[in-house]
Amino acid sequence: MKNLMKNLLILITGVLLVALLMGALVGCQQQPAPTLPEPAPTPAPSPAPAPSPPPTPPVEPTDLIIEKIILCSDVRSADDYDLQLDSTYVRGQAVYIYCDFYGATCSKKNSQYEIHIELAKLALFGPEGHEVASKVDVSDFRETSPTILRSSSLWVYFEAPLLGPIGDYFAEVTIRDVPSGNTAMTRASFTVKDGPLNIEHLRLCSAIRGVRDYTIQPDSAYQLGDRVWVYFELPGISVGGVEGEHEIWVKVSRLKVYDPQGRLLVNVADVLSEHFPYELLGGIPYLYLWLDIGEDWIIGQYRVEVTVEDGWTGGAVTESFNFSVK
């Protein structure tokens, strides 16, 4: 990540004009009457300063330019993101690249201005500098505003590779201004390391549609008869091979629910065991579960414990969370 900064040194030379007024000295001769000095001539008025030229109108950019890139662990909206410490990720962890850009074509439609940007390509390069995976026509982005849009932001996410060596990688992101066809490319470097199986980005939801695509349940509060949807991601999970195909094998080996009085209400073993195909840039490894609240459950706060296992290595992790019934 390199930004070019232009340093402009402006040397302003001040010129000091000193006006020296010369007075005439009149001498005296013998016996003639004294004479008064002649009055100094009145100086001619200074010419009026020339009028300032009119200001130069701003020049609209002719190129699409990516101004800033930031590596994050999560992005919620423009200028609202979590920075990734040391730009280092565990295998399978979500890698977010956040970009500010300007120079997009701003078209007016009715009373709104619009820009239309396409994330044209995402390419991943390994520690040896070779491209290891790529995707084209990744996503389409539009933004509208009642005023002219001079700049905007977008972001892309993918998983830190579960396959291949650990070490330093870089991602190459290409965006395209759809109306003009102008493109811009940037690169972001990051490090991939091994790590134990973990449960991250756990969210209690009212609906789950896909990876990082869900509806958060406000205050994690539900009603009797509701379904509790639980979304989480699994960095550190391994990849195995079955008949030449790469697969993730996830087991949910135990699910416990404790009622507001601390009594064990649900205790289920071997909840699921699933195989999922995997390829580089195939998506963040995630899982979701659901739990139906009984009509006879008491009002209050419940605690849930879920244990997840890596089917290939046997590694396990347990995570707990709370929700309330009102």
Protein backbone atom coordinates (compact mmCIF):
# COMPACT_ATOMS: atom_id res chain seq x y z
CA MET A 1 0.00 0.00 0.00
CA LYS A 2 1.69 3.09 -1.20
CA ASN A 3 0.31 6.56 -1.55
CA LEU A 4 2.01 9.12 -3.68
CA MET A 5 2.13 12.58 -2.14
CA LYS A 6 3.00 15.61 -4.16
CA ASN A 7 5.05 18.17 -2.29
CA LEU A 8 4.73 21.62 -3.75
CA LEU A 9 7.23 24.21 -2.58
CA ILE A 10 6.08 27.70 -3.30
CA LEU A 11 8.69 30.39 -2.91
CA ILE A 12 7.11 33.75 -2.40
CA THR A 13 9.59 36.61 -2.82
CA GLY A 14 8.44 39.76 -1.23
CA VAL A 15 9.65 42.95 -2.91
CA LEU A 16 9.89 45.95 -0.66
CA LEU A 17 9.47 49.16 -2.57
CA VAL A 18 10.86 52.13 -0.67
CA ALA A 19 9.83 55.56 -1.88
CA LEU A 20 12.51 58.12 -1.00
CA LEU A 21 11.22 61.67 -0.98
CA MET A 22 14.03 64.15 -1.73
CA GLY A 23 13.69 67.64 -0.20
CA ALA A 24 15.49 70.64 -1.91
CA LEU A 25 17.91 72.65 0.18
CA VAL A 26 17.96 76.37 -0.67
CA GLY A 27 21.21 78.24 0.17
CA CYS A 28 21.69 81.95 0.93
CA GLN A 29 23.69 84.54 -1.05
CA GLN A 30 25.13 87.79 0.46
CA GLN A 31 22.57 90.62 1.02
CA PRO A 32 19.70 89.43 -1.14
CA ALA A 33 16.43 89.01 0.64
CA PRO A 34 15.74 85.54 1.82
CA THR A 35 13.73 83.46 -0.46
CA LEU A 36 11.20 80.78 0.44
CA PRO A 37 11.71 77.26 -0.86
CA GLU A 38 9.59 76.36 -3.79
CA PRO A 39 6.83 73.91 -2.90
CA ALA A 40 7.51 70.34 -3.82
CA PRO A 41 5.59 69.16 -6.85
CA THR A 42 2.46 67.16 -6.10
CA PRO A 43 3.12 63.51 -6.95
CA ALA A 44 1.01 62.00 -9.69
CA PRO A 45 -1.70 59.64 -8.45
CA SER A 46 -0.82 55.91 -8.53
CA PRO A 47 -2.57 53.93 -11.25
CA ALA A 48 -5.50 51.81 -10.10
CA PRO A 49 -4.62 48.14 -9.58
CA ALA A 50 -5.57 45.79 -12.35
CA PRO A 51 -8.72 43.76 -11.63
CA SER A 52 -8.14 40.19 -10.34
CA PRO A 53 -8.82 37.47 -12.88
CA PRO A 54 -12.02 35.51 -12.30
CA PRO A 55 -11.54 32.29 -10.27
CA THR A 56 -10.83 29.17 -12.28
CA PRO A 57 -13.77 26.78 -12.13
CA PRO A 58 -12.97 23.41 -10.55
CA VAL A 59 -11.83 20.80 -13.02
CA GLU A 60 -13.81 17.58 -12.84
CA PRO A 61 -11.53 14.52 -12.59
CA THR A 62 -11.16 12.57 -15.78
CA ASP A 63 -9.77 9.41 -14.18
CA LEU A 64 -11.14 6.99 -11.64
CA ILE A 65 -8.76 7.03 -8.67
CA ILE A 66 -8.64 4.89 -5.53
CA GLU A 67 -7.48 7.28 -2.85
CA LYS A 68 -7.26 5.14 0.30
CA ILE A 69 -7.29 1.45 1.20
CA ILE A 70 -7.69 0.00 4.69
CA LEU A 71 -7.51 -3.61 5.86
CA CYS A 72 -10.31 -4.44 8.31
CA SER A 73 -11.93 -7.32 10.10
CA ASP A 74 -15.43 -5.90 9.61
CA VAL A 75 -17.09 -3.02 7.75
CA ARG A 76 -20.59 -1.88 8.66
CA SER A 77 -20.93 1.24 6.49
CA ALA A 78 -18.88 4.11 5.05
CA ASP A 79 -16.25 5.22 7.61
CA ASP A 80 -17.52 2.62 10.11
CA TYR A 81 -15.12 -0.30 10.27
CA ASP A 82 -12.85 -2.33 12.57
CA LEU A 83 -9.15 -2.21 11.70
CA GLN A 84 -7.30 -5.51 11.56
CA LEU A 85 -4.35 -5.59 13.96
CA ASP A 86 -1.03 -5.91 12.11
CA SER A 87 -2.95 -6.87 8.93
CA THR A 88 -2.61 -10.50 10.04
CA TYR A 89 -5.42 -13.03 9.67
CA VAL A 90 -5.97 -16.62 10.76
CA ARG A 91 -6.90 -19.04 7.98
CA GLY A 92 -10.60 -18.69 7.22
CA GLN A 93 -10.94 -15.30 8.93
CA ALA A 94 -12.79 -12.57 7.05
CA VAL A 95 -10.45 -10.16 5.20
CA TYR A 96 -12.09 -6.82 4.40
CA ILE A 97 -10.57 -4.28 2.02
CA TYR A 98 -12.12 -0.82 2.38
CA CYS A 99 -11.51 1.74 -0.40
CA ASP A 100 -12.22 5.46 -0.84
CA PHE A 101 -12.35 6.57 -4.48
CA TYR A 102 -13.20 9.60 -6.61
CA GLY A 103 -13.53 10.44 -10.29
CA ALA A 104 -16.65 8.34 -10.95
CA THR A 105 -19.18 9.64 -13.45
CA CYS A 106 -21.98 11.40 -11.59
CA SER A 107 -25.19 11.24 -13.64
CA LYS A 108 -28.37 13.10 -12.83
CA LYS A 109 -31.61 11.14 -12.94
CA ASN A 110 -34.73 13.10 -12.10
CA SER A 111 -33.80 15.00 -8.92
CA GLN A 112 -31.03 12.60 -7.84
CA TYR A 113 -27.36 12.20 -8.73
CA GLU A 114 -26.01 8.68 -9.15
CA ILE A 115 -22.69 6.90 -9.52
CA HIS A 116 -22.46 3.31 -10.79
CA ILE A 117 -19.35 1.30 -9.91
CA GLU A 118 -18.59 -2.33 -10.63
CA LEU A 119 -16.13 -4.40 -8.62
CA ALA A 120 -14.67 -5.86 -11.77
CA LYS A 121 -12.01 -8.22 -10.42
CA LEU A 122 -10.59 -9.60 -7.20
CA ALA A 123 -7.31 -11.50 -7.52
CA LEU A 124 -5.30 -13.17 -4.78
CA PHE A 125 -1.51 -13.60 -4.95
CA GLY A 126 0.42 -16.00 -2.74
CA PRO A 127 3.77 -15.66 -0.90
CA GLU A 128 5.70 -16.42 -4.10
CA GLY A 129 3.95 -13.63 -5.98
CA HIS A 130 1.86 -15.88 -8.23
CA GLU A 131 -1.88 -15.47 -8.68
CA VAL A 132 -3.57 -18.29 -6.79
CA ALA A 133 -7.23 -17.37 -7.29
CA SER A 134 -9.41 -14.70 -8.89
CA LYS A 135 -13.03 -13.70 -9.40
CA VAL A 136 -14.49 -11.33 -11.99
CA ASP A 137 -17.70 -9.28 -11.96
CA VAL A 138 -17.76 -9.66 -8.20
CA SER A 139 -20.44 -7.10 -7.34
CA ASP A 140 -22.28 -4.01 -8.53
CA PHE A 141 -22.49 -0.79 -6.54
CA ARG A 142 -24.76 2.24 -6.97
CA GLU A 143 -25.04 5.32 -4.79
CA THR A 144 -27.54 8.17 -5.10
CA SER A 145 -27.61 11.60 -3.52
CA PRO A 146 -29.54 14.88 -3.91
CA THR A 147 -26.17 16.60 -4.43
CA ILE A 148 -23.25 15.88 -6.76
CA LEU A 149 -21.14 12.96 -5.53
CA ARG A 150 -17.45 13.89 -5.61
CA SER A 151 -16.21 10.75 -3.86
CA SER A 152 -17.49 7.56 -2.30
CA SER A 153 -16.44 4.30 -0.65
CA LEU A 154 -16.79 0.58 -1.25
CA TRP A 155 -15.48 -2.59 0.32
CA VAL A 156 -14.96 -6.23 -0.52
CA TYR A 157 -14.43 -9.23 1.73
CA PHE A 158 -13.10 -12.75 1.29
CA GLU A 159 -11.62 -15.47 3.46
CA ALA A 160 -7.98 -15.72 4.42
CA PRO A 161 -6.94 -18.81 2.42
CA LEU A 162 -7.63 -22.17 4.06
CA LEU A 163 -5.39 -23.83 1.48
CA GLY A 164 -1.80 -23.12 0.48
CA PRO A 165 1.18 -21.86 2.47
CA ILE A 166 1.05 -19.40 5.33
CA GLY A 167 2.90 -16.11 4.86
CA ASP A 168 2.49 -12.80 3.07
CA TYR A 169 -0.27 -12.44 0.48
CA PHE A 170 -1.69 -9.52 -1.43
CA ALA A 171 -5.06 -8.93 -3.01
CA GLU A 172 -5.55 -6.92 -6.19
CA VAL A 173 -8.88 -5.08 -6.46
CA THR A 174 -10.06 -3.56 -9.75
CA ILE A 175 -13.09 -1.28 -9.93
CA ARG A 176 -14.82 0.07 -13.05
CA ASP A 177 -16.88 3.22 -13.58
CA VAL A 178 -19.73 1.71 -15.59
CA PRO A 179 -20.82 4.85 -17.56
CA SER A 180 -17.30 5.79 -18.74
CA GLY A 181 -15.54 2.42 -18.63
CA ASN A 182 -12.64 3.93 -16.63
CA THR A 183 -10.93 1.51 -14.25
CA ALA A 184 -8.73 1.78 -11.18
CA MET A 185 -6.70 -0.90 -9.42
CA THR A 186 -5.16 -1.12 -5.97
CA ARG A 187 -3.32 -3.73 -3.94
CA ALA A 188 -3.48 -4.59 -0.26
CA SER A 189 -0.91 -6.79 1.50
CA PHE A 190 -1.71 -9.00 4.48
CA THR A 191 -0.32 -11.98 6.37
CA VAL A 192 -1.98 -15.39 6.79
CA LYS A 193 -1.14 -17.59 9.77
CA ASP A 194 -2.33 -20.86 11.27
CA GLY A 195 -4.57 -20.78 14.31
CA PRO A 196 -6.87 -23.00 16.36
CA LEU A 197 -10.52 -23.48 15.50
CA ASN A 198 -12.53 -20.56 16.83
CA ILE A 199 -16.07 -19.17 16.79
CA GLU A 200 -16.16 -15.53 15.69
CA HIS A 201 -18.70 -12.95 14.59
CA LEU A 202 -21.55 -14.65 16.46
CA ARG A 203 -24.84 -12.85 15.86
CA LEU A 204 -28.37 -13.50 17.10
CA CYS A 205 -30.79 -12.88 14.28
CA SER A 206 -34.38 -13.00 13.14
CA ALA A 207 -33.36 -14.14 9.62
CA ILE A 208 -30.19 -15.41 7.91
CA ARG A 209 -29.76 -15.28 4.14
CA GLY A 210 -26.08 -16.09 3.65
CA VAL A 211 -22.53 -15.15 4.60
CA ARG A 212 -22.65 -11.85 6.52
CA ASP A 213 -26.20 -11.39 5.27
CA TYR A 214 -28.67 -11.47 8.15
CA THR A 215 -31.17 -9.42 10.14
CA ILE A 216 -30.01 -8.73 13.69
CA GLN A 217 -32.59 -9.33 16.42
CA PRO A 218 -32.84 -6.08 18.45
CA ASP A 219 -31.47 -6.50 21.98
CA SER A 220 -31.39 -10.30 21.41
CA ALA A 221 -34.95 -10.31 22.77
CA TYR A 222 -37.58 -12.77 21.53
CA GLN A 223 -41.20 -13.68 22.21
CA LEU A 224 -42.67 -17.03 23.16
CA GLY A 225 -42.93 -19.20 20.05
CA ASP A 226 -40.18 -17.30 18.17
CA ARG A 227 -37.26 -18.96 16.41
CA VAL A 228 -33.76 -17.87 17.50
CA TRP A 229 -31.35 -17.83 14.57
CA VAL A 230 -27.64 -18.02 15.42
CA TYR A 231 -24.94 -17.03 12.87
CA PHE A 232 -21.20 -17.57 13.43
CA GLU A 233 -17.95 -18.00 11.51
CA LEU A 234 -15.22 -20.62 11.92
CA PRO A 235 -11.68 -19.31 11.36
CA GLY A 236 -9.03 -21.94 11.91
CA ILE A 237 -11.08 -24.78 10.48
CA SER A 238 -9.14 -27.20 8.27
CA VAL A 239 -9.72 -28.50 4.75
CA GLY A 240 -9.60 -32.18 3.87
CA GLY A 241 -9.88 -34.15 0.66
CA VAL A 242 -12.57 -36.55 -0.44
CA GLU A 243 -12.11 -38.13 -3.89
CA GLY A 244 -9.91 -35.24 -4.99
CA GLU A 245 -12.29 -32.55 -3.78
CA HIS A 246 -11.49 -30.06 -1.02
CA GLU A 247 -14.04 -30.05 1.78
CA ILE A 248 -14.71 -28.53 5.17
CA TRP A 249 -16.17 -30.95 7.70
CA VAL A 250 -18.10 -29.29 10.53
CA LYS A 251 -19.73 -31.00 13.51
CA VAL A 252 -21.97 -29.44 16.14
CA SER A 253 -21.42 -32.01 18.84
CA ARG A 254 -23.39 -30.46 21.72
CA LEU A 255 -26.09 -27.83 22.28
CA LYS A 256 -27.21 -26.84 25.78
CA VAL A 257 -29.80 -24.29 26.88
CA TYR A 258 -30.14 -23.08 30.48
CA ASP A 259 -33.30 -21.33 31.66
CA PRO A 260 -33.39 -18.09 33.71
CA GLN A 261 -33.14 -20.12 36.93
CA GLY A 262 -29.96 -21.89 35.74
CA ARG A 263 -31.65 -25.23 35.10
CA LEU A 264 -30.56 -27.29 32.08
CA LEU A 265 -33.51 -27.03 29.70
CA VAL A 266 -32.08 -28.51 26.47
CA ASN A 267 -29.15 -30.90 26.10
CA VAL A 268 -28.71 -32.32 22.59
CA ALA A 269 -25.68 -34.28 21.32
CA ASP A 270 -24.58 -34.79 17.69
CA VAL A 271 -26.69 -31.89 16.42
CA LEU A 272 -25.21 -32.02 12.92
CA SER A 273 -22.26 -33.26 10.85
CA GLU A 274 -21.91 -31.62 7.45
CA HIS A 275 -19.39 -31.52 4.59
CA PHE A 276 -19.05 -28.32 2.55
CA PRO A 277 -17.01 -27.97 -0.67
CA TYR A 278 -14.22 -25.40 -0.54
CA GLU A 279 -12.18 -23.47 -3.07
CA LEU A 280 -10.03 -20.34 -2.71
CA LEU A 281 -12.15 -17.19 -2.60
CA GLY A 282 -15.14 -19.47 -2.18
CA GLY A 283 -16.42 -17.63 0.88
CA ILE A 284 -15.95 -17.25 4.60
CA PRO A 285 -16.58 -20.56 6.44
CA TYR A 286 -19.72 -19.97 8.49
CA LEU A 287 -22.55 -21.91 10.08
CA TYR A 288 -26.00 -21.12 11.38
CA LEU A 289 -28.29 -22.85 13.84
CA TRP A 290 -31.80 -22.22 15.05
CA LEU A 291 -33.64 -22.84 18.27
CA ASP A 292 -37.42 -22.70 18.75
CA ILE A 293 -38.66 -21.07 21.94
CA GLY A 294 -41.42 -23.11 23.56
CA GLU A 295 -44.75 -21.59 24.40
CA ASP A 296 -44.33 -22.78 27.99
CA TRP A 297 -40.87 -21.27 28.57
CA ILE A 298 -40.66 -18.76 31.40
CA ILE A 299 -39.86 -15.09 30.87
CA GLY A 300 -36.25 -14.07 31.46
CA GLN A 301 -32.69 -14.54 30.19
CA TYR A 302 -31.47 -17.84 28.75
CA ARG A 303 -27.91 -19.03 28.24
CA VAL A 304 -26.86 -21.25 25.34
CA GLU A 305 -23.65 -23.29 24.98
CA VAL A 306 -22.69 -24.68 21.58
CA THR A 307 -19.71 -26.95 20.88
CA VAL A 308 -18.31 -27.13 17.34
CA GLU A 309 -15.75 -29.67 16.12
CA ASP A 310 -13.45 -29.84 13.11
CA GLY A 311 -14.29 -33.20 11.58
CA TRP A 312 -10.82 -33.59 10.04
CA THR A 313 -8.64 -32.74 13.03
CA GLY A 314 -10.95 -33.36 15.99
CA GLY A 315 -10.27 -29.85 17.33
CA ALA A 316 -13.23 -28.38 19.23
CA VAL A 317 -14.37 -25.04 20.59
CA THR A 318 -17.28 -24.12 22.88
CA GLU A 319 -18.98 -20.74 22.85
CA SER A 320 -21.82 -19.38 25.00
CA PHE A 321 -24.28 -16.55 24.45
CA ASN A 322 -27.45 -15.16 26.00
CA PHE A 323 -30.87 -14.16 24.74
CA SER A 324 -34.00 -13.07 26.55
CA VAL A 325 -37.67 -14.03 26.31
CA LYS A 326 -40.18 -11.26 26.98
